[in-house]
Amino acid sequence: MSNLKDLAKHYDGHSNHADHSNHADHGNHSDHGNHADHGNHADHGNHADHHRMMIKDFRNRFYLSLVLTLPILALTPLIKELTGFGWTFSGAGYVVFLLATILYFVGGWPFLSGLVKELKEKSPGMMTLIGMAITVAYGYSTAVTFGLPGMPSTGNWQP
């Protein structure tokens, strides 16, 4: 699967059949790798529904994350310096913190839950990497917002 469109097409091809013997476009599943949860492919109705729901969930999280990101950027001093556009008011940093917290949990949930799952299985992978990265970034931003001496995103990075 080289891109999201191929992935969606692949999963859409799984519906409305009980087994894989009667369709030429499906091949022998050699591209499935060694997925323990794929079993013997006897029941693909739930498999296809699960993947459709997963794609829909990612799409919804993306759009909500995009909507939350726009006011965060508009209130960020660095963006104002770079673009000349932005606004500020007393307490804007706390509004950014609130929006960023929602963004962290809504947009980051697949990675955070994947991180927990991979660590429980003692098999860290990409979800662990991304989950840790967004957690460290969020934690540092939170600490700077609430007074930790650091480098807030002002765009003026010279000491």
C-alpha atoms as a PDB file:
ATOM      1  CA  MET A   1       0.000   0.000   0.000  1.00  0.00           C
ATOM      2  CA  SER A   2       1.752   3.110  -1.159  1.00  0.00           C
ATOM      3  CA  ASN A   3      -0.730   5.800  -0.154  1.00  0.00           C
ATOM      4  CA  LEU A   4      -3.960   6.490   1.691  1.00  0.00           C
ATOM      5  CA  LYS A   5      -6.098   6.183  -1.456  1.00  0.00           C
ATOM      6  CA  ASP A   6      -4.694   2.677  -2.122  1.00  0.00           C
ATOM      7  CA  LEU A   7      -5.282   1.778   1.521  1.00  0.00           C
ATOM      8  CA  ALA A   8      -8.916   2.908   1.401  1.00  0.00           C
ATOM      9  CA  LYS A   9      -9.459   1.078  -1.923  1.00  0.00           C
ATOM     10  CA  HIS A  10      -7.943  -2.080  -0.405  1.00  0.00           C
ATOM     11  CA  TYR A  11     -10.213  -1.990   2.619  1.00  0.00           C
ATOM     12  CA  ASP A  12     -13.295  -1.153   0.558  1.00  0.00           C
ATOM     13  CA  GLY A  13     -12.577  -4.298  -1.459  1.00  0.00           C
ATOM     14  CA  HIS A  14     -13.015  -6.442   1.662  1.00  0.00           C
ATOM     15  CA  SER A  15     -16.767  -5.967   2.085  1.00  0.00           C
ATOM     16  CA  ASN A  16     -19.619  -8.205   0.965  1.00  0.00           C
ATOM     17  CA  HIS A  17     -17.833 -11.528   0.726  1.00  0.00           C
ATOM     18  CA  ALA A  18     -17.316 -14.420   3.084  1.00  0.00           C
ATOM     19  CA  ASP A  19     -13.988 -15.623   1.765  1.00  0.00           C
ATOM     20  CA  HIS A  20     -11.232 -14.563  -0.602  1.00  0.00           C
ATOM     21  CA  SER A  21     -11.408 -17.331  -3.202  1.00  0.00           C
ATOM     22  CA  ASN A  22     -13.753 -15.636  -5.679  1.00  0.00           C
ATOM     23  CA  HIS A  23     -12.071 -12.400  -6.665  1.00  0.00           C
ATOM     24  CA  ALA A  24      -9.063 -11.753  -8.806  1.00  0.00           C
ATOM     25  CA  ASP A  25      -8.176  -8.310  -7.456  1.00  0.00           C
ATOM     26  CA  HIS A  26      -7.368  -9.573  -3.982  1.00  0.00           C
ATOM     27  CA  GLY A  27      -4.323 -11.743  -4.588  1.00  0.00           C
ATOM     28  CA  ASN A  28      -2.935 -13.977  -1.871  1.00  0.00           C
ATOM     29  CA  HIS A  29      -2.612 -11.389   0.917  1.00  0.00           C
ATOM     30  CA  SER A  30       1.170 -11.525   0.772  1.00  0.00           C
ATOM     31  CA  ASP A  31       1.167  -7.752   1.309  1.00  0.00           C
ATOM     32  CA  HIS A  32      -0.502  -8.121   4.727  1.00  0.00           C
ATOM     33  CA  GLY A  33       2.763  -8.919   6.468  1.00  0.00           C
ATOM     34  CA  ASN A  34       2.590 -10.839   9.696  1.00  0.00           C
ATOM     35  CA  HIS A  35      -0.508  -9.298  11.299  1.00  0.00           C
ATOM     36  CA  ALA A  36      -1.617 -11.366  14.251  1.00  0.00           C
ATOM     37  CA  ASP A  37      -5.063  -9.786  14.221  1.00  0.00           C
ATOM     38  CA  HIS A  38      -5.797 -10.785  10.610  1.00  0.00           C
ATOM     39  CA  GLY A  39      -6.374 -14.424  11.521  1.00  0.00           C
ATOM     40  CA  ASN A  40      -7.572 -16.611   8.686  1.00  0.00           C
ATOM     41  CA  HIS A  41      -9.667 -13.933   6.948  1.00  0.00           C
ATOM     42  CA  ALA A  42     -12.871 -15.919   7.441  1.00  0.00           C
ATOM     43  CA  ASP A  43     -14.877 -12.907   8.653  1.00  0.00           C
ATOM     44  CA  HIS A  44     -14.024  -9.786   6.705  1.00  0.00           C
ATOM     45  CA  GLY A  45     -17.332  -7.968   7.178  1.00  0.00           C
ATOM     46  CA  ASN A  46     -16.219  -6.598  10.545  1.00  0.00           C
ATOM     47  CA  HIS A  47     -12.693  -6.062   9.209  1.00  0.00           C
ATOM     48  CA  ALA A  48     -13.885  -3.734   6.449  1.00  0.00           C
ATOM     49  CA  ASP A  49     -16.249  -1.883   8.763  1.00  0.00           C
ATOM     50  CA  HIS A  50     -13.472  -1.424  11.305  1.00  0.00           C
ATOM     51  CA  HIS A  51     -11.127   0.064   8.716  1.00  0.00           C
ATOM     52  CA  ARG A  52     -13.799   2.358   7.284  1.00  0.00           C
ATOM     53  CA  MET A  53     -14.544   3.620  10.789  1.00  0.00           C
ATOM     54  CA  MET A  54     -10.828   4.048  11.452  1.00  0.00           C
ATOM     55  CA  ILE A  55     -10.340   6.125   8.298  1.00  0.00           C
ATOM     56  CA  LYS A  56     -13.418   8.211   9.152  1.00  0.00           C
ATOM     57  CA  ASP A  57     -12.093   8.737  12.693  1.00  0.00           C
ATOM     58  CA  PHE A  58      -8.694   9.897  11.396  1.00  0.00           C
ATOM     59  CA  ARG A  59     -10.384  12.250   8.924  1.00  0.00           C
ATOM     60  CA  ASN A  60     -12.590  13.758  11.659  1.00  0.00           C
ATOM     61  CA  ARG A  61      -9.610  14.157  13.993  1.00  0.00           C
ATOM     62  CA  PHE A  62      -7.650  15.843  11.206  1.00  0.00           C
ATOM     63  CA  TYR A  63     -10.370  18.415  10.474  1.00  0.00           C
ATOM     64  CA  LEU A  64     -10.959  19.165  14.158  1.00  0.00           C
ATOM     65  CA  SER A  65      -7.194  19.515  14.653  1.00  0.00           C
ATOM     66  CA  LEU A  66      -7.022  21.889  11.700  1.00  0.00           C
ATOM     67  CA  VAL A  67      -9.819  24.052  13.145  1.00  0.00           C
ATOM     68  CA  LEU A  68      -8.089  24.143  16.554  1.00  0.00           C
ATOM     69  CA  THR A  69      -4.718  24.985  14.996  1.00  0.00           C
ATOM     70  CA  LEU A  70      -5.879  28.166  13.225  1.00  0.00           C
ATOM     71  CA  PRO A  71      -6.610  30.244  16.364  1.00  0.00           C
ATOM     72  CA  ILE A  72      -3.485  28.838  18.031  1.00  0.00           C
ATOM     73  CA  LEU A  73      -1.387  30.111  15.130  1.00  0.00           C
ATOM     74  CA  ALA A  74      -3.194  33.456  15.051  1.00  0.00           C
ATOM     75  CA  LEU A  75      -2.361  33.983  18.747  1.00  0.00           C
ATOM     76  CA  THR A  76       1.281  32.910  18.441  1.00  0.00           C
ATOM     77  CA  PRO A  77       3.847  35.752  18.503  1.00  0.00           C
ATOM     78  CA  LEU A  78       6.171  33.957  16.057  1.00  0.00           C
ATOM     79  CA  ILE A  79       3.449  33.777  13.411  1.00  0.00           C
ATOM     80  CA  LYS A  80       2.644  37.445  13.956  1.00  0.00           C
ATOM     81  CA  GLU A  81       6.321  38.353  13.436  1.00  0.00           C
ATOM     82  CA  LEU A  82       6.643  36.212  10.314  1.00  0.00           C
ATOM     83  CA  THR A  83       3.361  37.091   8.627  1.00  0.00           C
ATOM     84  CA  GLY A  84       2.388  40.401  10.144  1.00  0.00           C
ATOM     85  CA  PHE A  85      -0.999  38.869  10.966  1.00  0.00           C
ATOM     86  CA  GLY A  86      -2.207  37.964  14.413  1.00  0.00           C
ATOM     87  CA  TRP A  87      -3.883  39.348  17.450  1.00  0.00           C
ATOM     88  CA  THR A  88      -3.333  39.263  21.148  1.00  0.00           C
ATOM     89  CA  PHE A  89      -5.109  40.129  24.364  1.00  0.00           C
ATOM     90  CA  SER A  90      -4.574  39.691  28.060  1.00  0.00           C
ATOM     91  CA  GLY A  91      -4.527  35.972  28.822  1.00  0.00           C
ATOM     92  CA  ALA A  92      -3.963  34.902  25.201  1.00  0.00           C
ATOM     93  CA  GLY A  93      -1.267  32.476  26.359  1.00  0.00           C
ATOM     94  CA  TYR A  94      -3.801  30.652  28.503  1.00  0.00           C
ATOM     95  CA  VAL A  95      -6.284  30.464  25.628  1.00  0.00           C
ATOM     96  CA  VAL A  96      -3.514  28.974  23.476  1.00  0.00           C
ATOM     97  CA  PHE A  97      -2.756  26.507  26.283  1.00  0.00           C
ATOM     98  CA  LEU A  98      -6.422  25.470  26.496  1.00  0.00           C
ATOM     99  CA  LEU A  99      -6.745  25.027  22.716  1.00  0.00           C
ATOM    100  CA  ALA A 100      -3.391  23.220  22.557  1.00  0.00           C
ATOM    101  CA  THR A 101      -4.478  20.851  25.339  1.00  0.00           C
ATOM    102  CA  ILE A 102      -7.620  19.946  23.421  1.00  0.00           C
ATOM    103  CA  LEU A 103      -5.543  19.567  20.243  1.00  0.00           C
ATOM    104  CA  TYR A 104      -3.005  17.365  22.040  1.00  0.00           C
ATOM    105  CA  PHE A 105      -5.653  14.916  23.217  1.00  0.00           C
ATOM    106  CA  VAL A 106      -7.983  14.975  20.195  1.00  0.00           C
ATOM    107  CA  GLY A 107      -5.319  14.929  17.475  1.00  0.00           C
ATOM    108  CA  GLY A 108      -2.808  12.929  19.460  1.00  0.00           C
ATOM    109  CA  TRP A 109      -5.127  10.239  20.814  1.00  0.00           C
ATOM    110  CA  PRO A 110      -4.315   7.584  18.164  1.00  0.00           C
ATOM    111  CA  PHE A 111      -0.608   8.038  18.885  1.00  0.00           C
ATOM    112  CA  LEU A 112      -1.000   8.198  22.659  1.00  0.00           C
ATOM    113  CA  SER A 113      -3.141   5.058  22.778  1.00  0.00           C
ATOM    114  CA  GLY A 114      -0.723   3.380  20.343  1.00  0.00           C
ATOM    115  CA  LEU A 115       2.176   4.342  22.596  1.00  0.00           C
ATOM    116  CA  VAL A 116       0.494   2.697  25.599  1.00  0.00           C
ATOM    117  CA  LYS A 117      -0.337  -0.426  23.579  1.00  0.00           C
ATOM    118  CA  GLU A 118       3.207  -0.755  22.200  1.00  0.00           C
ATOM    119  CA  LEU A 119       4.780  -0.282  25.615  1.00  0.00           C
ATOM    120  CA  LYS A 120       2.430  -2.854  27.193  1.00  0.00           C
ATOM    121  CA  GLU A 121       3.453  -5.298  24.465  1.00  0.00           C
ATOM    122  CA  LYS A 122       7.118  -4.371  25.022  1.00  0.00           C
ATOM    123  CA  SER A 123       7.351  -3.621  21.330  1.00  0.00           C
ATOM    124  CA  PRO A 124       8.007   0.102  20.826  1.00  0.00           C
ATOM    125  CA  GLY A 125       7.484   1.349  17.312  1.00  0.00           C
ATOM    126  CA  MET A 126       6.337   4.391  15.371  1.00  0.00           C
ATOM    127  CA  MET A 127       3.401   5.116  17.684  1.00  0.00           C
ATOM    128  CA  THR A 128       5.814   5.197  20.628  1.00  0.00           C
ATOM    129  CA  LEU A 129       8.099   7.587  18.773  1.00  0.00           C
ATOM    130  CA  ILE A 130       5.311   9.976  17.761  1.00  0.00           C
ATOM    131  CA  GLY A 131       3.509   9.696  21.115  1.00  0.00           C
ATOM    132  CA  MET A 132       6.685  10.551  23.009  1.00  0.00           C
ATOM    133  CA  ALA A 133       7.521  13.424  20.640  1.00  0.00           C
ATOM    134  CA  ILE A 134       4.142  15.122  20.989  1.00  0.00           C
ATOM    135  CA  THR A 135       4.158  14.541  24.762  1.00  0.00           C
ATOM    136  CA  VAL A 136       7.600  16.108  25.203  1.00  0.00           C
ATOM    137  CA  ALA A 137       6.638  19.080  22.999  1.00  0.00           C
ATOM    138  CA  TYR A 138       3.328  19.557  24.831  1.00  0.00           C
ATOM    139  CA  GLY A 139       4.986  19.192  28.252  1.00  0.00           C
ATOM    140  CA  TYR A 140       7.705  21.740  27.421  1.00  0.00           C
ATOM    141  CA  SER A 141       5.199  24.233  26.001  1.00  0.00           C
ATOM    142  CA  THR A 142       3.024  23.822  29.081  1.00  0.00           C
ATOM    143  CA  ALA A 143       5.971  24.373  31.408  1.00  0.00           C
ATOM    144  CA  VAL A 144       7.042  27.542  29.538  1.00  0.00           C
ATOM    145  CA  THR A 145       3.446  28.825  29.537  1.00  0.00           C
ATOM    146  CA  PHE A 146       3.300  28.503  33.310  1.00  0.00           C
ATOM    147  CA  GLY A 147       6.641  30.110  34.055  1.00  0.00           C
ATOM    148  CA  LEU A 148       9.522  27.753  33.317  1.00  0.00           C
ATOM    149  CA  PRO A 149      12.375  29.832  31.946  1.00  0.00           C
ATOM    150  CA  GLY A 150      12.705  28.728  28.375  1.00  0.00           C
ATOM    151  CA  MET A 151      12.439  29.775  24.824  1.00  0.00           C
ATOM    152  CA  PRO A 152       8.818  30.626  24.098  1.00  0.00           C
ATOM    153  CA  SER A 153       7.912  30.923  20.451  1.00  0.00           C
ATOM    154  CA  THR A 154       8.554  34.660  20.064  1.00  0.00           C
ATOM    155  CA  GLY A 155      10.697  34.360  16.980  1.00  0.00           C
ATOM    156  CA  ASN A 156      13.477  36.309  18.720  1.00  0.00           C
ATOM    157  CA  TRP A 157      15.810  33.392  19.428  1.00  0.00           C
ATOM    158  CA  GLN A 158      19.092  35.264  20.018  1.00  0.00           C
ATOM    159  CA  PRO A 159      20.321  35.304  23.647  1.00  0.00           C
END
